[in-house]
C-alpha atoms as a PDB file:
ATOM      1  CA  MET A   1      61.305  42.836 -21.765  1.00  0.00           C
ATOM      2  CA  ARG A   2      61.390  45.540 -24.379  1.00  0.00           C
ATOM      3  CA  THR A   3      61.278  44.877 -28.075  1.00  0.00           C
ATOM      4  CA  THR A   4      60.347  46.811 -31.189  1.00  0.00           C
ATOM      5  CA  LEU A   5      57.403  45.659 -33.284  1.00  0.00           C
ATOM      6  CA  THR A   6      55.852  47.078 -36.395  1.00  0.00           C
ATOM      7  CA  ILE A   7      52.090  47.127 -35.884  1.00  0.00           C
ATOM      8  CA  GLU A   8      49.619  48.069 -38.576  1.00  0.00           C
ATOM      9  CA  ASP A   9      47.912  51.395 -37.923  1.00  0.00           C
ATOM     10  CA  ASP A  10      44.400  49.937 -37.763  1.00  0.00           C
ATOM     11  CA  VAL A  11      45.508  47.261 -35.268  1.00  0.00           C
ATOM     12  CA  LEU A  12      47.220  49.891 -33.153  1.00  0.00           C
ATOM     13  CA  ASP A  13      44.096  52.063 -33.175  1.00  0.00           C
ATOM     14  CA  ARG A  14      41.920  49.119 -32.133  1.00  0.00           C
ATOM     15  CA  ALA A  15      44.277  48.166 -29.297  1.00  0.00           C
ATOM     16  CA  ARG A  16      44.435  51.731 -27.995  1.00  0.00           C
ATOM     17  CA  ALA A  17      40.664  52.102 -28.206  1.00  0.00           C
ATOM     18  CA  LEU A  18      40.168  48.825 -26.347  1.00  0.00           C
ATOM     19  CA  ALA A  19      42.634  49.857 -23.641  1.00  0.00           C
ATOM     20  CA  ALA A  20      40.750  53.117 -23.145  1.00  0.00           C
ATOM     21  CA  ARG A  21      37.360  51.379 -23.179  1.00  0.00           C
ATOM     22  CA  VAL A  22      38.316  48.798 -20.515  1.00  0.00           C
ATOM     23  CA  HIS A  23      40.413  51.290 -18.521  1.00  0.00           C
ATOM     24  CA  SER A  24      43.572  49.240 -18.864  1.00  0.00           C
ATOM     25  CA  HIS A  25      47.124  49.839 -19.962  1.00  0.00           C
ATOM     26  CA  PHE A  26      47.955  49.526 -23.654  1.00  0.00           C
ATOM     27  CA  ARG A  27      50.776  47.100 -22.805  1.00  0.00           C
ATOM     28  CA  ARG A  28      48.353  44.786 -20.977  1.00  0.00           C
ATOM     29  CA  VAL A  29      45.858  44.777 -23.876  1.00  0.00           C
ATOM     30  CA  VAL A  30      48.605  43.945 -26.373  1.00  0.00           C
ATOM     31  CA  ASN A  31      49.986  41.144 -24.185  1.00  0.00           C
ATOM     32  CA  GLU A  32      46.535  39.610 -23.645  1.00  0.00           C
ATOM     33  CA  ALA A  33      45.838  39.790 -27.375  1.00  0.00           C
ATOM     34  CA  LEU A  34      49.165  38.109 -28.113  1.00  0.00           C
ATOM     35  CA  TYR A  35      48.461  35.357 -25.565  1.00  0.00           C
ATOM     36  CA  ALA A  36      45.021  34.741 -27.074  1.00  0.00           C
ATOM     37  CA  GLY A  37      46.413  34.758 -30.598  1.00  0.00           C
ATOM     38  CA  LEU A  38      49.262  32.400 -29.752  1.00  0.00           C
ATOM     39  CA  GLU A  39      46.834  30.059 -28.021  1.00  0.00           C
ATOM     40  CA  ALA A  40      44.602  30.024 -31.100  1.00  0.00           C
ATOM     41  CA  VAL A  41      47.569  29.287 -33.363  1.00  0.00           C
ATOM     42  CA  GLU A  42      49.003  26.563 -31.127  1.00  0.00           C
ATOM     43  CA  LYS A  43      45.682  24.832 -30.489  1.00  0.00           C
ATOM     44  CA  PRO A  44      43.315  25.547 -33.360  1.00  0.00           C
ATOM     45  CA  ALA A  45      39.665  24.900 -32.637  1.00  0.00           C
ATOM     46  CA  ARG A  46      38.522  21.516 -33.795  1.00  0.00           C
ATOM     47  CA  ALA A  47      35.873  21.871 -36.394  1.00  0.00           C
ATOM     48  CA  ARG A  48      32.821  19.740 -35.943  1.00  0.00           C
ATOM     49  CA  PRO A  49      32.588  17.051 -38.580  1.00  0.00           C
ATOM     50  CA  TYR A  50      30.189  17.859 -41.366  1.00  0.00           C
ATOM     51  CA  ARG A  51      27.218  15.545 -41.277  1.00  0.00           C
ATOM     52  CA  THR A  52      24.470  14.989 -43.775  1.00  0.00           C
ATOM     53  CA  HIS A  53      21.120  13.503 -42.989  1.00  0.00           C
ATOM     54  CA  PRO A  54      19.768  10.929 -45.420  1.00  0.00           C
ATOM     55  CA  ARG A  55      16.293  11.428 -46.788  1.00  0.00           C
ATOM     56  CA  LYS A  56      14.166   8.808 -48.426  1.00  0.00           C
ATOM     57  CA  LEU A  57      13.354  10.254 -51.826  1.00  0.00           C
ATOM     58  CA  GLY A  58      11.870   7.258 -53.554  1.00  0.00           C
ATOM     59  CA  LEU A  59      10.989   7.122 -57.229  1.00  0.00           C
ATOM     60  CA  LYS A  60       7.927   8.499 -58.914  1.00  0.00           C
ATOM     61  CA  THR A  61       5.350   5.991 -60.026  1.00  0.00           C
ATOM     62  CA  GLY A  62       6.348   4.200 -63.221  1.00  0.00           C
ATOM     63  CA  MET A  63      10.102   4.732 -62.858  1.00  0.00           C
ATOM     64  CA  ARG A  64      12.505   1.865 -62.088  1.00  0.00           C
ATOM     65  CA  LEU A  65      16.192   1.675 -61.221  1.00  0.00           C
ATOM     66  CA  ASP A  66      16.915  -1.506 -63.197  1.00  0.00           C
ATOM     67  CA  ASN A  67      17.543   0.418 -66.468  1.00  0.00           C
ATOM     68  CA  ILE A  68      19.411   3.651 -65.747  1.00  0.00           C
ATOM     69  CA  GLN A  69      19.437   4.849 -69.375  1.00  0.00           C
ATOM     70  CA  GLU A  70      15.663   4.536 -69.548  1.00  0.00           C
ATOM     71  CA  LEU A  71      15.276   6.325 -66.212  1.00  0.00           C
ATOM     72  CA  ILE A  72      17.494   9.215 -67.376  1.00  0.00           C
ATOM     73  CA  ALA A  73      15.524   9.433 -70.616  1.00  0.00           C
ATOM     74  CA  GLN A  74      12.283   9.651 -68.620  1.00  0.00           C
ATOM     75  CA  VAL A  75      13.616  12.301 -66.265  1.00  0.00           C
ATOM     76  CA  GLU A  76      15.678  14.447 -68.660  1.00  0.00           C
ATOM     77  CA  GLY A  77      14.102  13.630 -71.992  1.00  0.00           C
ATOM     78  CA  GLU A  78      15.628  11.923 -75.008  1.00  0.00           C
ATOM     79  CA  SER A  79      17.935  14.876 -75.767  1.00  0.00           C
ATOM     80  CA  HIS A  80      20.313  13.990 -72.886  1.00  0.00           C
ATOM     81  CA  ARG A  81      22.397  11.713 -75.130  1.00  0.00           C
END
């Protein structure tokens, strides 16, 4: 089937260069690129879930979690307020 498309100059240059490099017809390169692009749009790749790994940090000697204000004052100084 024939149709008219407007293709950006840089895309056209890349498709022609690829056709020459793989010794194929321009029409075939464009059709394969369209198939690949349509496939990617229809079935986007599933991204792997982002995972974090917990690390045991612990507290420095002399610091406790039972009074958060005191802990912040020890870590950041009294000027944090």
